C-alpha atoms as a PDB file:
ATOM      1  CA  MET A   1      12.257 -10.112 -15.273  1.00  0.00           C
ATOM      2  CA  PRO A   2       9.870 -12.033 -13.589  1.00  0.00           C
ATOM      3  CA  ALA A   3       6.731  -9.835 -14.573  1.00  0.00           C
ATOM      4  CA  GLU A   4       5.206  -7.249 -11.940  1.00  0.00           C
ATOM      5  CA  ARG A   5       2.512  -7.993 -10.380  1.00  0.00           C
ATOM      6  CA  HIS A   6      -0.549  -5.931  -8.280  1.00  0.00           C
ATOM      7  CA  TRP A   7      -2.843  -5.695  -5.583  1.00  0.00           C
ATOM      8  CA  GLN A   8      -6.341  -3.741  -5.088  1.00  0.00           C
ATOM      9  CA  VAL A   9      -6.420  -3.496  -1.513  1.00  0.00           C
ATOM     10  CA  TYR A  10      -9.934  -2.893  -0.513  1.00  0.00           C
ATOM     11  CA  ASP A  11     -11.962  -2.214   2.838  1.00  0.00           C
ATOM     12  CA  GLY A  12     -15.523  -3.375   2.099  1.00  0.00           C
ATOM     13  CA  ASP A  13     -16.524  -2.324  -1.302  1.00  0.00           C
ATOM     14  CA  THR A  14     -14.326   0.326  -1.171  1.00  0.00           C
ATOM     15  CA  LEU A  15     -10.983   0.816  -2.831  1.00  0.00           C
ATOM     16  CA  ILE A  16      -8.473   2.184  -0.035  1.00  0.00           C
ATOM     17  CA  LEU A  17      -5.006   1.376  -1.739  1.00  0.00           C
ATOM     18  CA  GLU A  18      -3.053  -0.243  -4.784  1.00  0.00           C
ATOM     19  CA  VAL A  19      -0.069  -1.973  -4.352  1.00  0.00           C
ATOM     20  CA  SER A  20       2.353  -3.106  -6.538  1.00  0.00           C
ATOM     21  CA  ASP A  21       5.764  -5.584  -5.777  1.00  0.00           C
ATOM     22  CA  ARG A  22       8.457  -3.055  -7.370  1.00  0.00           C
ATOM     23  CA  PRO A  23      10.270  -0.852  -4.812  1.00  0.00           C
ATOM     24  CA  GLY A  24       9.659   3.008  -4.741  1.00  0.00           C
ATOM     25  CA  PRO A  25       7.189   5.299  -3.430  1.00  0.00           C
ATOM     26  CA  ILE A  26       3.917   5.986  -1.010  1.00  0.00           C
ATOM     27  CA  LEU A  27       1.507   7.966  -2.814  1.00  0.00           C
ATOM     28  CA  SER A  28      -1.152   9.627  -0.302  1.00  0.00           C
ATOM     29  CA  THR A  29      -4.113  11.150  -0.973  1.00  0.00           C
ATOM     30  CA  ALA A  30      -2.653  14.735   0.846  1.00  0.00           C
ATOM     31  CA  PRO A  31      -0.019  17.071  -1.331  1.00  0.00           C
ATOM     32  CA  LEU A  32       3.554  16.602  -0.114  1.00  0.00           C
ATOM     33  CA  PRO A  33       4.869  20.422   0.817  1.00  0.00           C
ATOM     34  CA  PRO A  34       6.538  21.606  -1.682  1.00  0.00           C
ATOM     35  CA  GLY A  35      10.445  20.578  -2.437  1.00  0.00           C
ATOM     36  CA  GLN A  36       9.146  16.583   0.260  1.00  0.00           C
ATOM     37  CA  ALA A  37       9.580  13.667  -1.806  1.00  0.00           C
ATOM     38  CA  PRO A  38       6.735  10.714  -1.136  1.00  0.00           C
ATOM     39  CA  MET A  39       8.541   8.098   1.103  1.00  0.00           C
ATOM     40  CA  GLN A  40       9.954   5.447  -0.452  1.00  0.00           C
ATOM     41  CA  CYS A  41      10.015   1.190   0.541  1.00  0.00           C
ATOM     42  CA  ALA A  42      12.501  -1.005  -0.238  1.00  0.00           C
ATOM     43  CA  PHE A  43       9.951  -3.517  -1.172  1.00  0.00           C
ATOM     44  CA  MET A  44       6.802  -1.840  -2.564  1.00  0.00           C
ATOM     45  CA  SER A  45       4.797   0.929  -4.178  1.00  0.00           C
ATOM     46  CA  ALA A  46       1.570   1.942  -2.651  1.00  0.00           C
ATOM     47  CA  THR A  47      -1.202   4.414  -3.990  1.00  0.00           C
ATOM     48  CA  SER A  48      -4.076   5.239  -1.415  1.00  0.00           C
ATOM     49  CA  ARG A  49      -6.460   6.319  -2.905  1.00  0.00           C
ATOM     50  CA  ASP A  50      -8.653   6.403   0.735  1.00  0.00           C
ATOM     51  CA  ALA A  51      -7.792   9.336   2.792  1.00  0.00           C
ATOM     52  CA  PHE A  52      -9.080   7.788   6.148  1.00  0.00           C
ATOM     53  CA  HIS A  53      -7.574   4.780   6.259  1.00  0.00           C
ATOM     54  CA  GLU A  54      -3.950   5.677   5.372  1.00  0.00           C
ATOM     55  CA  ASN A  55      -3.021   6.139   9.379  1.00  0.00           C
ATOM     56  CA  GLN A  56      -3.848   2.257   9.340  1.00  0.00           C
ATOM     57  CA  LEU A  57      -2.258   1.317   6.402  1.00  0.00           C
ATOM     58  CA  HIS A  58       0.607   2.817   7.557  1.00  0.00           C
ATOM     59  CA  GLN A  59       1.045   1.310  10.553  1.00  0.00           C
ATOM     60  CA  ILE A  60       0.609  -1.746   8.971  1.00  0.00           C
ATOM     61  CA  LEU A  61       3.053  -0.859   6.725  1.00  0.00           C
ATOM     62  CA  GLU A  62       6.041  -0.016   9.527  1.00  0.00           C
ATOM     63  CA  ALA A  63       5.544  -3.232  10.943  1.00  0.00           C
ATOM     64  CA  SER A  64       5.940  -5.262   7.920  1.00  0.00           C
ATOM     65  CA  LYS A  65       9.077  -6.675   7.132  1.00  0.00           C
ATOM     66  CA  ASP A  66       8.409  -7.187   3.660  1.00  0.00           C
ATOM     67  CA  LEU A  67       5.796  -7.106   0.893  1.00  0.00           C
ATOM     68  CA  PRO A  68       4.043 -11.165   2.239  1.00  0.00           C
ATOM     69  CA  SER A  69       4.083  -9.001   5.617  1.00  0.00           C
ATOM     70  CA  PHE A  70       2.408  -6.263   5.063  1.00  0.00           C
ATOM     71  CA  LEU A  71      -0.405  -7.881   2.422  1.00  0.00           C
ATOM     72  CA  ASN A  72      -1.015 -10.885   5.710  1.00  0.00           C
ATOM     73  CA  GLY A  73      -1.606  -7.752   8.367  1.00  0.00           C
ATOM     74  CA  LEU A  74      -3.721  -6.150   6.087  1.00  0.00           C
ATOM     75  CA  VAL A  75      -5.538  -8.945   5.852  1.00  0.00           C
ATOM     76  CA  ALA A  76      -4.908 -10.063   9.785  1.00  0.00           C
ATOM     77  CA  ALA A  77      -7.012  -6.444   9.709  1.00  0.00           C
ATOM     78  CA  GLY A  78      -9.891  -7.463   7.762  1.00  0.00           C
ATOM     79  CA  PHE A  79      -9.618  -5.835   4.835  1.00  0.00           C
ATOM     80  CA  LYS A  80      -9.485  -7.636   1.229  1.00  0.00           C
ATOM     81  CA  VAL A  81      -6.647  -8.038  -0.572  1.00  0.00           C
ATOM     82  CA  LYS A  82      -6.817  -8.869  -3.959  1.00  0.00           C
ATOM     83  CA  PRO A  83      -4.493  -9.911  -6.428  1.00  0.00           C
ATOM     84  CA  LEU A  84      -4.848  -8.472 -10.587  1.00  0.00           C
ATOM     85  CA  THR A  85      -3.481 -10.199 -13.157  1.00  0.00           C
END
């Protein structure tokens, strides 16, 4: 099994999102309503670090068919995507 890969996404110097290539939850900065589970994604998991960007990040995710298209969408939107090793 290949090692899990991770990325950090920045708007300038501000960390706004952490992404993994492991399918799983998309976690918001906002608490979920009682009894509601986080949104799940078939091709990645992510944790938001900045509430201001969540709507735009969600729109990019909704327009993406896979992880490469999501990462490319982030770059196209002007964000810096840094792979972690």
